[in-house]
Amino acid sequence: MHKLTEASRHPCRAVIGGSGISVPQKVLSNDDLAQMVETSDEWISSRTGIRTRHVTTDGESTAQLATEAARIAIADAGLEPAQIELIIVATITPEMVFPSTACFVQEAIGANDAWGFDLAGACSGFVYALATAGQFIETGRIRNALVIGAETLTKITNWKDRSSCILFGDGAGAVVLTSSQDPDSGLLYSYMGMDGSGWQYLNCKAYGSRFPAYKPLEDPNLIYMSIRGREVYQLAVRRIVESVKKCMEACNLDLGQIDMIIPHQMNARIIESAIKRLELPADKVFVNIDRYGNTSAASIPIALDECRRTGRVKKGDLVILVAFGAGLTWGANVLRI
């Protein structure tokens, strides 16, 4: 039996009872983007691995996507909305400044006994949120939690900037965490890190207190996401490798015991570089960025749901979720499915 962590001695374990996803119907291809900015399908796919992404229309919102993913996940878990006690929505594109997107989801699904909040961990948001919800279950505070990653990144994308507009897509993924007495199932360990000194590499500056809404912007592009790709690439590879190794060390695992690694889908080249450094076979790493683009906090739950529904991960499999994002933030979860 593998040595795990302090969490392994808790009487309750947080297991994934169900999952679901929701993506907009509208699909934007690389060829479509080539009609908007100077680029091409070959240029985008060779550098990012992305071929298509789902984009919201004016009538679609983060809460709508989150709500649909939540409904599917709750049904998949065999629960009723009234049984959900906690809702965490990981997002950097919330429904509005306040109230939280979690409030809109709670009302829409009828989870009248639930409380909740939004978590702004950027691309690491779902990993952070899963660890947070897991703590409430492990300590016996609640039995059922809804954890959602939902983003409408295309609403803060500068469609004139070809270096960034090619990367992002919209979508939502959700999981239901439930309480289990099986000490070898569910969320086994979480590792997380942060380095605020790197905030300038990935950000969206306006509108917050530093650039308030009442004050005219000297640069109107501050309302859009900004990314410094070269620096992000190098840091992402290093932190992804670090996070996986920290998990393996803490849980006394070797690579042969890991059935699947599901990384945040930021860039296929970043994922490939990390795989190479970890000396992992490609069939143990799930990649679907070609169809969704970078959906930030939504990318891991979308990928996890696909893995579950296509049989890429099965009951009893050992899975590591790993992410790197703005903040800078990074982290990983170890799960026994």
C-alpha atoms as a PDB file:
ATOM      1  CA  MET A   1       0.000   0.000   0.000  1.00  0.00           C
ATOM      2  CA  HIS A   2       1.409   3.385  -0.997  1.00  0.00           C
ATOM      3  CA  LYS A   3       2.286   5.908   1.654  1.00  0.00           C
ATOM      4  CA  LEU A   4       0.112   8.946   0.996  1.00  0.00           C
ATOM      5  CA  THR A   5      -0.204  12.028   3.204  1.00  0.00           C
ATOM      6  CA  GLU A   6      -1.987  13.387   6.238  1.00  0.00           C
ATOM      7  CA  ALA A   7      -5.173  13.403   4.153  1.00  0.00           C
ATOM      8  CA  SER A   8      -5.069   9.601   3.989  1.00  0.00           C
ATOM      9  CA  ARG A   9      -5.804   9.404   7.723  1.00  0.00           C
ATOM     10  CA  HIS A  10      -9.023  11.401   7.513  1.00  0.00           C
ATOM     11  CA  PRO A  11     -12.155   9.268   8.043  1.00  0.00           C
ATOM     12  CA  CYS A  12     -13.732  10.643   4.851  1.00  0.00           C
ATOM     13  CA  ARG A  13     -12.356  10.748   1.330  1.00  0.00           C
ATOM     14  CA  ALA A  14     -13.593  13.043  -1.480  1.00  0.00           C
ATOM     15  CA  VAL A  15     -14.352  10.936  -4.543  1.00  0.00           C
ATOM     16  CA  ILE A  16     -15.595  11.966  -7.981  1.00  0.00           C
ATOM     17  CA  GLY A  17     -19.212  10.900  -8.204  1.00  0.00           C
ATOM     18  CA  GLY A  18     -20.030  12.486 -11.553  1.00  0.00           C
ATOM     19  CA  SER A  19     -18.846  14.899 -14.216  1.00  0.00           C
ATOM     20  CA  GLY A  20     -20.196  16.983 -17.066  1.00  0.00           C
ATOM     21  CA  ILE A  21     -19.207  19.595 -19.620  1.00  0.00           C
ATOM     22  CA  SER A  22     -20.828  22.374 -21.603  1.00  0.00           C
ATOM     23  CA  VAL A  23     -19.320  24.217 -24.559  1.00  0.00           C
ATOM     24  CA  PRO A  24     -20.839  26.773 -26.930  1.00  0.00           C
ATOM     25  CA  GLN A  25     -22.185  25.501 -30.243  1.00  0.00           C
ATOM     26  CA  LYS A  26     -20.220  28.027 -32.266  1.00  0.00           C
ATOM     27  CA  VAL A  27     -16.843  26.704 -33.395  1.00  0.00           C
ATOM     28  CA  LEU A  28     -14.043  28.952 -34.627  1.00  0.00           C
ATOM     29  CA  SER A  29     -11.437  27.234 -36.783  1.00  0.00           C
ATOM     30  CA  ASN A  30      -7.898  28.338 -37.565  1.00  0.00           C
ATOM     31  CA  ASP A  31      -9.038  29.107 -41.091  1.00  0.00           C
ATOM     32  CA  ASP A  32     -11.718  31.374 -39.648  1.00  0.00           C
ATOM     33  CA  LEU A  33      -9.052  33.193 -37.644  1.00  0.00           C
ATOM     34  CA  ALA A  34      -6.966  33.601 -40.777  1.00  0.00           C
ATOM     35  CA  GLN A  35      -9.784  35.803 -42.102  1.00  0.00           C
ATOM     36  CA  MET A  36      -9.471  38.036 -39.028  1.00  0.00           C
ATOM     37  CA  VAL A  37      -5.720  38.365 -38.451  1.00  0.00           C
ATOM     38  CA  GLU A  38      -2.563  37.569 -40.395  1.00  0.00           C
ATOM     39  CA  THR A  39      -2.116  33.882 -39.591  1.00  0.00           C
ATOM     40  CA  SER A  40      -2.788  30.405 -40.989  1.00  0.00           C
ATOM     41  CA  ASP A  41      -3.918  26.975 -39.877  1.00  0.00           C
ATOM     42  CA  GLU A  42      -0.372  25.656 -40.272  1.00  0.00           C
ATOM     43  CA  TRP A  43       1.137  28.518 -38.242  1.00  0.00           C
ATOM     44  CA  ILE A  44      -1.300  28.085 -35.363  1.00  0.00           C
ATOM     45  CA  SER A  45      -1.393  24.292 -35.214  1.00  0.00           C
ATOM     46  CA  SER A  46       2.389  23.882 -35.469  1.00  0.00           C
ATOM     47  CA  ARG A  47       3.003  26.283 -32.576  1.00  0.00           C
ATOM     48  CA  THR A  48       0.083  25.508 -30.278  1.00  0.00           C
ATOM     49  CA  GLY A  49      -1.553  22.249 -31.351  1.00  0.00           C
ATOM     50  CA  ILE A  50      -4.905  24.057 -31.620  1.00  0.00           C
ATOM     51  CA  ARG A  51      -7.160  23.594 -34.657  1.00  0.00           C
ATOM     52  CA  THR A  52     -10.585  24.695 -33.397  1.00  0.00           C
ATOM     53  CA  ARG A  53     -12.086  26.319 -30.323  1.00  0.00           C
ATOM     54  CA  HIS A  54     -15.650  26.931 -29.068  1.00  0.00           C
ATOM     55  CA  VAL A  55     -16.689  30.566 -28.673  1.00  0.00           C
ATOM     56  CA  THR A  56     -19.673  32.157 -26.967  1.00  0.00           C
ATOM     57  CA  THR A  57     -22.132  34.451 -28.674  1.00  0.00           C
ATOM     58  CA  ASP A  58     -23.366  37.678 -27.082  1.00  0.00           C
ATOM     59  CA  GLY A  59     -26.263  35.807 -25.524  1.00  0.00           C
ATOM     60  CA  GLU A  60     -24.134  33.184 -23.778  1.00  0.00           C
ATOM     61  CA  SER A  61     -22.408  33.654 -20.422  1.00  0.00           C
ATOM     62  CA  THR A  62     -20.106  31.959 -17.933  1.00  0.00           C
ATOM     63  CA  ALA A  63     -22.952  31.132 -15.554  1.00  0.00           C
ATOM     64  CA  GLN A  64     -24.981  29.519 -18.341  1.00  0.00           C
ATOM     65  CA  LEU A  65     -22.124  27.215 -19.319  1.00  0.00           C
ATOM     66  CA  ALA A  66     -21.371  26.447 -15.677  1.00  0.00           C
ATOM     67  CA  THR A  67     -24.999  25.663 -14.948  1.00  0.00           C
ATOM     68  CA  GLU A  68     -25.364  23.217 -17.840  1.00  0.00           C
ATOM     69  CA  ALA A  69     -22.136  21.404 -16.905  1.00  0.00           C
ATOM     70  CA  ALA A  70     -23.326  21.281 -13.281  1.00  0.00           C
ATOM     71  CA  ARG A  71     -26.682  19.746 -14.183  1.00  0.00           C
ATOM     72  CA  ILE A  72     -24.993  17.003 -16.205  1.00  0.00           C
ATOM     73  CA  ALA A  73     -22.475  16.269 -13.424  1.00  0.00           C
ATOM     74  CA  ILE A  74     -25.186  16.085 -10.740  1.00  0.00           C
ATOM     75  CA  ALA A  75     -27.262  13.703 -12.845  1.00  0.00           C
ATOM     76  CA  ASP A  76     -24.164  11.622 -13.572  1.00  0.00           C
ATOM     77  CA  ALA A  77     -23.566  11.339  -9.834  1.00  0.00           C
ATOM     78  CA  GLY A  78     -27.139  10.153  -9.293  1.00  0.00           C
ATOM     79  CA  LEU A  79     -27.913  13.067  -7.000  1.00  0.00           C
ATOM     80  CA  GLU A  80     -30.510  15.804  -6.807  1.00  0.00           C
ATOM     81  CA  PRO A  81     -29.502  19.494  -6.708  1.00  0.00           C
ATOM     82  CA  ALA A  82     -30.909  19.724  -3.174  1.00  0.00           C
ATOM     83  CA  GLN A  83     -28.153  17.338  -2.036  1.00  0.00           C
ATOM     84  CA  ILE A  84     -25.374  19.725  -3.083  1.00  0.00           C
ATOM     85  CA  GLU A  85     -23.969  21.561  -0.053  1.00  0.00           C
ATOM     86  CA  LEU A  86     -21.067  23.540  -1.540  1.00  0.00           C
ATOM     87  CA  ILE A  87     -20.505  25.153  -4.965  1.00  0.00           C
ATOM     88  CA  ILE A  88     -17.094  26.434  -6.031  1.00  0.00           C
ATOM     89  CA  VAL A  89     -16.741  28.026  -9.459  1.00  0.00           C
ATOM     90  CA  ALA A  90     -13.165  28.451 -10.648  1.00  0.00           C
ATOM     91  CA  THR A  91     -13.166  31.324 -13.141  1.00  0.00           C
ATOM     92  CA  ILE A  92     -11.377  34.506 -14.195  1.00  0.00           C
ATOM     93  CA  THR A  93     -14.293  35.501 -16.428  1.00  0.00           C
ATOM     94  CA  PRO A  94     -17.152  35.635 -13.912  1.00  0.00           C
ATOM     95  CA  GLU A  95     -20.751  36.443 -14.707  1.00  0.00           C
ATOM     96  CA  MET A  96     -20.192  39.917 -13.267  1.00  0.00           C
ATOM     97  CA  VAL A  97     -17.962  41.662 -10.737  1.00  0.00           C
ATOM     98  CA  PHE A  98     -20.383  40.561  -8.025  1.00  0.00           C
ATOM     99  CA  PRO A  99     -22.248  38.558  -6.958  1.00  0.00           C
ATOM    100  CA  SER A 100     -20.232  35.419  -7.563  1.00  0.00           C
ATOM    101  CA  THR A 101     -20.972  33.117 -10.470  1.00  0.00           C
ATOM    102  CA  ALA A 102     -21.605  30.400  -7.887  1.00  0.00           C
ATOM    103  CA  CYS A 103     -24.690  32.334  -6.764  1.00  0.00           C
ATOM    104  CA  PHE A 104     -26.155  32.242 -10.263  1.00  0.00           C
ATOM    105  CA  VAL A 105     -25.445  28.520 -10.570  1.00  0.00           C
ATOM    106  CA  GLN A 106     -26.999  27.786  -7.186  1.00  0.00           C
ATOM    107  CA  GLU A 107     -30.214  29.587  -8.115  1.00  0.00           C
ATOM    108  CA  ALA A 108     -30.397  28.080 -11.603  1.00  0.00           C
ATOM    109  CA  ILE A 109     -30.015  24.448 -10.527  1.00  0.00           C
ATOM    110  CA  GLY A 110     -32.139  24.793  -7.395  1.00  0.00           C
ATOM    111  CA  ALA A 111     -29.429  23.838  -4.903  1.00  0.00           C
ATOM    112  CA  ASN A 112     -31.245  25.727  -2.186  1.00  0.00           C
ATOM    113  CA  ASP A 113     -29.206  24.343   0.715  1.00  0.00           C
ATOM    114  CA  ALA A 114     -25.804  25.077  -0.854  1.00  0.00           C
ATOM    115  CA  TRP A 115     -23.382  27.900  -0.167  1.00  0.00           C
ATOM    116  CA  GLY A 116     -20.414  28.757  -2.314  1.00  0.00           C
ATOM    117  CA  PHE A 117     -18.041  31.194  -3.939  1.00  0.00           C
ATOM    118  CA  ASP A 118     -15.830  31.870  -6.947  1.00  0.00           C
ATOM    119  CA  LEU A 119     -12.125  31.093  -6.977  1.00  0.00           C
ATOM    120  CA  ALA A 120      -9.861  33.177  -9.232  1.00  0.00           C
ATOM    121  CA  GLY A 121      -6.867  30.896  -9.690  1.00  0.00           C
ATOM    122  CA  ALA A 122      -6.689  31.412 -13.475  1.00  0.00           C
ATOM    123  CA  CYS A 123      -5.577  28.235 -15.273  1.00  0.00           C
ATOM    124  CA  SER A 124      -4.796  26.591 -11.916  1.00  0.00           C
ATOM    125  CA  GLY A 125      -8.278  27.419 -10.627  1.00  0.00           C
ATOM    126  CA  PHE A 126      -9.826  23.979 -10.940  1.00  0.00           C
ATOM    127  CA  VAL A 127      -6.878  22.283  -9.213  1.00  0.00           C
ATOM    128  CA  TYR A 128      -7.135  24.808  -6.372  1.00  0.00           C
ATOM    129  CA  ALA A 129     -10.922  24.454  -6.171  1.00  0.00           C
ATOM    130  CA  LEU A 130     -10.810  20.658  -6.098  1.00  0.00           C
ATOM    131  CA  ALA A 131      -8.329  20.731  -3.223  1.00  0.00           C
ATOM    132  CA  THR A 132     -10.460  23.283  -1.358  1.00  0.00           C
ATOM    133  CA  ALA A 133     -13.709  21.352  -1.722  1.00  0.00           C
ATOM    134  CA  GLY A 134     -11.925  18.155  -0.783  1.00  0.00           C
ATOM    135  CA  GLN A 135     -10.949  19.631   2.571  1.00  0.00           C
ATOM    136  CA  PHE A 136     -14.576  20.250   3.503  1.00  0.00           C
ATOM    137  CA  ILE A 137     -15.456  16.644   2.694  1.00  0.00           C
ATOM    138  CA  GLU A 138     -12.399  15.092   4.346  1.00  0.00           C
ATOM    139  CA  THR A 139     -13.118  16.871   7.607  1.00  0.00           C
ATOM    140  CA  GLY A 140     -16.738  15.698   7.554  1.00  0.00           C
ATOM    141  CA  ARG A 141     -18.142  19.227   7.192  1.00  0.00           C
ATOM    142  CA  ILE A 142     -20.136  18.302   4.057  1.00  0.00           C
ATOM    143  CA  ARG A 143     -20.931  15.228   1.976  1.00  0.00           C
ATOM    144  CA  ASN A 144     -21.477  16.586  -1.549  1.00  0.00           C
ATOM    145  CA  ALA A 145     -19.692  19.433  -3.337  1.00  0.00           C
ATOM    146  CA  LEU A 146     -19.981  20.795  -6.848  1.00  0.00           C
ATOM    147  CA  VAL A 147     -16.673  21.991  -8.333  1.00  0.00           C
ATOM    148  CA  ILE A 148     -16.835  23.849 -11.647  1.00  0.00           C
ATOM    149  CA  GLY A 149     -14.269  25.349 -13.985  1.00  0.00           C
ATOM    150  CA  ALA A 150     -16.004  27.799 -16.325  1.00  0.00           C
ATOM    151  CA  GLU A 151     -14.603  30.432 -18.663  1.00  0.00           C
ATOM    152  CA  THR A 152     -15.657  32.760 -21.458  1.00  0.00           C
ATOM    153  CA  LEU A 153     -12.149  33.901 -22.301  1.00  0.00           C
ATOM    154  CA  THR A 154     -13.088  35.028 -25.791  1.00  0.00           C
ATOM    155  CA  LYS A 155     -14.981  37.897 -24.181  1.00  0.00           C
ATOM    156  CA  ILE A 156     -11.680  39.372 -22.945  1.00  0.00           C
ATOM    157  CA  THR A 157      -9.647  38.417 -26.028  1.00  0.00           C
ATOM    158  CA  ASN A 158      -8.126  41.050 -28.301  1.00  0.00           C
ATOM    159  CA  TRP A 159      -9.078  39.725 -31.727  1.00  0.00           C
ATOM    160  CA  LYS A 160      -6.516  42.007 -33.368  1.00  0.00           C
ATOM    161  CA  ASP A 161      -3.598  40.448 -31.482  1.00  0.00           C
ATOM    162  CA  ARG A 162      -2.611  37.331 -33.391  1.00  0.00           C
ATOM    163  CA  SER A 163      -0.191  36.185 -30.696  1.00  0.00           C
ATOM    164  CA  SER A 164      -3.011  35.742 -28.170  1.00  0.00           C
ATOM    165  CA  CYS A 165      -6.346  35.469 -29.997  1.00  0.00           C
ATOM    166  CA  ILE A 166      -5.348  32.111 -31.490  1.00  0.00           C
ATOM    167  CA  LEU A 167      -5.042  30.503 -28.060  1.00  0.00           C
ATOM    168  CA  PHE A 168      -8.320  30.801 -26.226  1.00  0.00           C
ATOM    169  CA  GLY A 169     -11.731  29.168 -26.193  1.00  0.00           C
ATOM    170  CA  ASP A 170     -14.848  29.027 -24.002  1.00  0.00           C
ATOM    171  CA  GLY A 171     -16.383  26.197 -22.021  1.00  0.00           C
ATOM    172  CA  ALA A 172     -17.201  24.687 -18.648  1.00  0.00           C
ATOM    173  CA  GLY A 173     -16.534  21.430 -16.883  1.00  0.00           C
ATOM    174  CA  ALA A 174     -17.919  20.258 -13.557  1.00  0.00           C
ATOM    175  CA  VAL A 175     -17.430  17.425 -11.099  1.00  0.00           C
ATOM    176  CA  VAL A 176     -19.416  16.329  -8.077  1.00  0.00           C
ATOM    177  CA  LEU A 177     -17.278  15.335  -5.120  1.00  0.00           C
ATOM    178  CA  THR A 178     -18.926  12.971  -2.661  1.00  0.00           C
ATOM    179  CA  SER A 179     -17.886  11.520   0.656  1.00  0.00           C
ATOM    180  CA  SER A 180     -16.469   7.974   0.802  1.00  0.00           C
ATOM    181  CA  GLN A 181     -15.082   5.787   3.574  1.00  0.00           C
ATOM    182  CA  ASP A 182     -12.643   4.076   1.174  1.00  0.00           C
ATOM    183  CA  PRO A 183      -9.181   5.368   2.195  1.00  0.00           C
ATOM    184  CA  ASP A 184      -7.629   4.451  -1.157  1.00  0.00           C
ATOM    185  CA  SER A 185     -10.106   6.233  -3.443  1.00  0.00           C
ATOM    186  CA  GLY A 186     -10.775   9.805  -4.499  1.00  0.00           C
ATOM    187  CA  LEU A 187      -8.590  12.825  -3.818  1.00  0.00           C
ATOM    188  CA  LEU A 188      -5.382  11.476  -2.301  1.00  0.00           C
ATOM    189  CA  TYR A 189      -3.069  14.485  -2.339  1.00  0.00           C
ATOM    190  CA  SER A 190      -2.798  18.062  -3.608  1.00  0.00           C
ATOM    191  CA  TYR A 191       0.275  20.205  -4.208  1.00  0.00           C
ATOM    192  CA  MET A 192      -0.004  23.928  -4.949  1.00  0.00           C
ATOM    193  CA  GLY A 193       2.331  26.871  -5.427  1.00  0.00           C
ATOM    194  CA  MET A 194       2.341  30.559  -6.305  1.00  0.00           C
ATOM    195  CA  ASP A 195       4.814  33.282  -7.257  1.00  0.00           C
ATOM    196  CA  GLY A 196       3.250  36.741  -7.357  1.00  0.00           C
ATOM    197  CA  SER A 197       6.418  38.314  -8.758  1.00  0.00           C
ATOM    198  CA  GLY A 198       5.531  36.841 -12.166  1.00  0.00           C
ATOM    199  CA  TRP A 199       2.105  38.471 -12.439  1.00  0.00           C
ATOM    200  CA  GLN A 200       3.173  40.583 -15.432  1.00  0.00           C
ATOM    201  CA  TYR A 201       3.627  37.534 -17.673  1.00  0.00           C
ATOM    202  CA  LEU A 202      -0.118  36.743 -17.735  1.00  0.00           C
ATOM    203  CA  ASN A 203      -2.773  39.265 -16.773  1.00  0.00           C
ATOM    204  CA  CYS A 204      -5.852  41.292 -17.588  1.00  0.00           C
ATOM    205  CA  LYS A 205      -5.352  44.667 -15.902  1.00  0.00           C
ATOM    206  CA  ALA A 206      -8.695  46.444 -16.252  1.00  0.00           C
ATOM    207  CA  TYR A 207     -11.095  46.904 -14.614  1.00  0.00           C
ATOM    208  CA  GLY A 208      -9.976  46.526 -11.012  1.00  0.00           C
ATOM    209  CA  SER A 209      -8.945  48.936  -8.303  1.00  0.00           C
ATOM    210  CA  ARG A 210      -5.606  49.652  -9.996  1.00  0.00           C
ATOM    211  CA  PHE A 211      -7.401  50.645 -13.202  1.00  0.00           C
ATOM    212  CA  PRO A 212     -10.894  51.627 -11.978  1.00  0.00           C
ATOM    213  CA  ALA A 213     -13.891  51.838 -14.271  1.00  0.00           C
ATOM    214  CA  TYR A 214     -14.405  55.575 -13.696  1.00  0.00           C
ATOM    215  CA  LYS A 215     -10.921  56.478 -14.913  1.00  0.00           C
ATOM    216  CA  PRO A 216     -10.244  56.593 -18.684  1.00  0.00           C
ATOM    217  CA  LEU A 217      -7.566  54.103 -19.745  1.00  0.00           C
ATOM    218  CA  GLU A 218      -4.395  55.429 -21.339  1.00  0.00           C
ATOM    219  CA  ASP A 219      -4.199  52.130 -23.216  1.00  0.00           C
ATOM    220  CA  PRO A 220      -7.634  50.752 -24.205  1.00  0.00           C
ATOM    221  CA  ASN A 221      -6.108  47.291 -24.695  1.00  0.00           C
ATOM    222  CA  LEU A 222      -5.780  46.871 -20.926  1.00  0.00           C
ATOM    223  CA  ILE A 223      -9.273  45.395 -20.932  1.00  0.00           C
ATOM    224  CA  TYR A 224      -7.893  42.369 -22.804  1.00  0.00           C
ATOM    225  CA  MET A 225      -5.702  39.478 -21.716  1.00  0.00           C
ATOM    226  CA  SER A 226      -1.967  40.002 -22.056  1.00  0.00           C
ATOM    227  CA  ILE A 227       0.515  37.140 -22.358  1.00  0.00           C
ATOM    228  CA  ARG A 228       4.300  37.038 -22.710  1.00  0.00           C
ATOM    229  CA  GLY A 229       4.621  33.722 -24.450  1.00  0.00           C
ATOM    230  CA  ARG A 230       8.344  33.036 -24.247  1.00  0.00           C
ATOM    231  CA  GLU A 231       8.538  33.524 -20.475  1.00  0.00           C
ATOM    232  CA  VAL A 232       5.301  31.611 -19.878  1.00  0.00           C
ATOM    233  CA  TYR A 233       6.518  28.649 -21.930  1.00  0.00           C
ATOM    234  CA  GLN A 234       9.682  28.179 -19.903  1.00  0.00           C
ATOM    235  CA  LEU A 235       8.045  28.689 -16.531  1.00  0.00           C
ATOM    236  CA  ALA A 236       5.075  26.445 -17.352  1.00  0.00           C
ATOM    237  CA  VAL A 237       7.236  23.484 -18.320  1.00  0.00           C
ATOM    238  CA  ARG A 238       9.341  23.803 -15.171  1.00  0.00           C
ATOM    239  CA  ARG A 239       6.391  24.134 -12.798  1.00  0.00           C
ATOM    240  CA  ILE A 240       4.386  21.316 -14.393  1.00  0.00           C
ATOM    241  CA  VAL A 241       7.331  18.955 -14.042  1.00  0.00           C
ATOM    242  CA  GLU A 242       7.890  20.143 -10.468  1.00  0.00           C
ATOM    243  CA  SER A 243       4.233  19.640  -9.517  1.00  0.00           C
ATOM    244  CA  VAL A 244       4.081  16.085 -10.862  1.00  0.00           C
ATOM    245  CA  LYS A 245       7.340  15.142  -9.149  1.00  0.00           C
ATOM    246  CA  LYS A 246       6.176  16.649  -5.841  1.00  0.00           C
ATOM    247  CA  CYS A 247       3.021  14.545  -6.013  1.00  0.00           C
ATOM    248  CA  MET A 248       4.922  11.379  -6.832  1.00  0.00           C
ATOM    249  CA  GLU A 249       7.356  11.994  -3.965  1.00  0.00           C
ATOM    250  CA  ALA A 250       4.623  12.772  -1.437  1.00  0.00           C
ATOM    251  CA  CYS A 251       2.591   9.712  -2.416  1.00  0.00           C
ATOM    252  CA  ASN A 252       5.584   7.398  -2.820  1.00  0.00           C
ATOM    253  CA  LEU A 253       4.767   6.723  -6.475  1.00  0.00           C
ATOM    254  CA  ASP A 254       6.803   5.941  -9.553  1.00  0.00           C
ATOM    255  CA  LEU A 255       5.847   6.698 -13.159  1.00  0.00           C
ATOM    256  CA  GLY A 256       4.765   3.139 -13.811  1.00  0.00           C
ATOM    257  CA  GLN A 257       1.992   3.435 -11.225  1.00  0.00           C
ATOM    258  CA  ILE A 258       0.392   6.476 -12.870  1.00  0.00           C
ATOM    259  CA  ASP A 259      -2.386   5.565 -15.296  1.00  0.00           C
ATOM    260  CA  MET A 260      -3.035   9.054 -16.707  1.00  0.00           C
ATOM    261  CA  ILE A 261      -1.834  12.621 -16.383  1.00  0.00           C
ATOM    262  CA  ILE A 262      -4.396  15.260 -17.357  1.00  0.00           C
ATOM    263  CA  PRO A 263      -2.662  18.615 -17.783  1.00  0.00           C
ATOM    264  CA  HIS A 264      -4.197  22.020 -18.228  1.00  0.00           C
ATOM    265  CA  GLN A 265      -4.470  22.452 -21.987  1.00  0.00           C
ATOM    266  CA  MET A 266      -2.412  25.617 -22.424  1.00  0.00           C
ATOM    267  CA  ASN A 267      -0.246  24.712 -25.406  1.00  0.00           C
ATOM    268  CA  ALA A 268       0.546  21.334 -26.941  1.00  0.00           C
ATOM    269  CA  ARG A 269       4.255  22.201 -27.205  1.00  0.00           C
ATOM    270  CA  ILE A 270       4.419  22.992 -23.478  1.00  0.00           C
ATOM    271  CA  ILE A 271       2.749  19.678 -22.662  1.00  0.00           C
ATOM    272  CA  GLU A 272       5.137  17.798 -24.980  1.00  0.00           C
ATOM    273  CA  SER A 273       8.173  19.424 -23.366  1.00  0.00           C
ATOM    274  CA  ALA A 274       6.938  18.522 -19.887  1.00  0.00           C
ATOM    275  CA  ILE A 275       6.238  14.924 -20.947  1.00  0.00           C
ATOM    276  CA  LYS A 276       9.744  14.621 -22.329  1.00  0.00           C
ATOM    277  CA  ARG A 277      11.316  15.873 -19.090  1.00  0.00           C
ATOM    278  CA  LEU A 278       9.183  13.502 -17.035  1.00  0.00           C
ATOM    279  CA  GLU A 279      10.045  10.632 -19.399  1.00  0.00           C
ATOM    280  CA  LEU A 280       6.378   9.715 -19.712  1.00  0.00           C
ATOM    281  CA  PRO A 281       4.930   7.739 -22.626  1.00  0.00           C
ATOM    282  CA  ALA A 282       2.554   9.860 -24.717  1.00  0.00           C
ATOM    283  CA  ASP A 283      -0.363   7.466 -24.138  1.00  0.00           C
ATOM    284  CA  LYS A 284      -0.320   8.329 -20.428  1.00  0.00           C
ATOM    285  CA  VAL A 285      -0.980  12.034 -21.058  1.00  0.00           C
ATOM    286  CA  PHE A 286      -4.389  13.235 -22.247  1.00  0.00           C
ATOM    287  CA  VAL A 287      -4.471  16.079 -24.750  1.00  0.00           C
ATOM    288  CA  ASN A 288      -7.567  17.617 -26.346  1.00  0.00           C
ATOM    289  CA  ILE A 289      -6.355  21.175 -26.927  1.00  0.00           C
ATOM    290  CA  ASP A 290      -6.720  20.653 -30.684  1.00  0.00           C
ATOM    291  CA  ARG A 291     -10.532  20.854 -30.318  1.00  0.00           C
ATOM    292  CA  TYR A 292     -10.987  23.319 -27.447  1.00  0.00           C
ATOM    293  CA  GLY A 293      -7.992  25.646 -27.274  1.00  0.00           C
ATOM    294  CA  ASN A 294      -6.979  27.033 -23.900  1.00  0.00           C
ATOM    295  CA  THR A 295     -10.101  27.260 -21.729  1.00  0.00           C
ATOM    296  CA  SER A 296      -8.183  28.151 -18.543  1.00  0.00           C
ATOM    297  CA  ALA A 297      -9.909  26.759 -15.427  1.00  0.00           C
ATOM    298  CA  ALA A 298     -12.347  24.778 -17.589  1.00  0.00           C
ATOM    299  CA  SER A 299      -9.732  22.767 -19.468  1.00  0.00           C
ATOM    300  CA  ILE A 300      -8.939  20.122 -16.830  1.00  0.00           C
ATOM    301  CA  PRO A 301     -12.566  19.267 -15.937  1.00  0.00           C
ATOM    302  CA  ILE A 302     -13.458  19.140 -19.653  1.00  0.00           C
ATOM    303  CA  ALA A 303     -10.550  16.773 -20.273  1.00  0.00           C
ATOM    304  CA  LEU A 304     -11.345  14.700 -17.170  1.00  0.00           C
ATOM    305  CA  ASP A 305     -14.952  14.256 -18.279  1.00  0.00           C
ATOM    306  CA  GLU A 306     -13.814  13.137 -21.743  1.00  0.00           C
ATOM    307  CA  CYS A 307     -11.428  10.643 -20.173  1.00  0.00           C
ATOM    308  CA  ARG A 308     -14.174   9.198 -17.991  1.00  0.00           C
ATOM    309  CA  ARG A 309     -16.746   8.945 -20.766  1.00  0.00           C
ATOM    310  CA  THR A 310     -14.395   7.452 -23.378  1.00  0.00           C
ATOM    311  CA  GLY A 311     -12.794   4.954 -21.017  1.00  0.00           C
ATOM    312  CA  ARG A 312      -9.359   6.555 -21.064  1.00  0.00           C
ATOM    313  CA  VAL A 313      -9.569   6.453 -17.270  1.00  0.00           C
ATOM    314  CA  LYS A 314     -11.457   3.751 -15.405  1.00  0.00           C
ATOM    315  CA  LYS A 315     -12.451   3.021 -11.850  1.00  0.00           C
ATOM    316  CA  GLY A 316      -9.340   2.316  -9.806  1.00  0.00           C
ATOM    317  CA  ASP A 317      -7.002   4.272 -12.101  1.00  0.00           C
ATOM    318  CA  LEU A 318      -4.456   6.632 -10.575  1.00  0.00           C
ATOM    319  CA  VAL A 319      -4.676  10.063 -12.213  1.00  0.00           C
ATOM    320  CA  ILE A 320      -2.738  13.308 -11.756  1.00  0.00           C
ATOM    321  CA  LEU A 321      -4.313  16.633 -12.710  1.00  0.00           C
ATOM    322  CA  VAL A 322      -1.720  19.377 -13.195  1.00  0.00           C
ATOM    323  CA  ALA A 323      -1.928  23.060 -14.105  1.00  0.00           C
ATOM    324  CA  PHE A 324       0.055  26.270 -14.471  1.00  0.00           C
ATOM    325  CA  GLY A 325      -1.428  29.728 -14.892  1.00  0.00           C
ATOM    326  CA  ALA A 326      -1.498  33.435 -14.200  1.00  0.00           C
ATOM    327  CA  GLY A 327      -0.467  34.626 -10.794  1.00  0.00           C
ATOM    328  CA  LEU A 328       1.835  32.876 -11.300  1.00  0.00           C
ATOM    329  CA  THR A 329       0.053  29.789  -9.950  1.00  0.00           C
ATOM    330  CA  TRP A 330       0.549  26.066 -10.326  1.00  0.00           C
ATOM    331  CA  GLY A 331      -0.490  22.821  -8.718  1.00  0.00           C
ATOM    332  CA  ALA A 332      -1.656  19.238  -9.035  1.00  0.00           C
ATOM    333  CA  ASN A 333      -4.151  16.764  -7.589  1.00  0.00           C
ATOM    334  CA  VAL A 334      -3.651  13.016  -7.239  1.00  0.00           C
ATOM    335  CA  LEU A 335      -6.881  11.065  -7.706  1.00  0.00           C
ATOM    336  CA  ARG A 336      -7.859   7.418  -7.516  1.00  0.00           C
ATOM    337  CA  ILE A 337     -10.856   7.305  -9.864  1.00  0.00           C
END
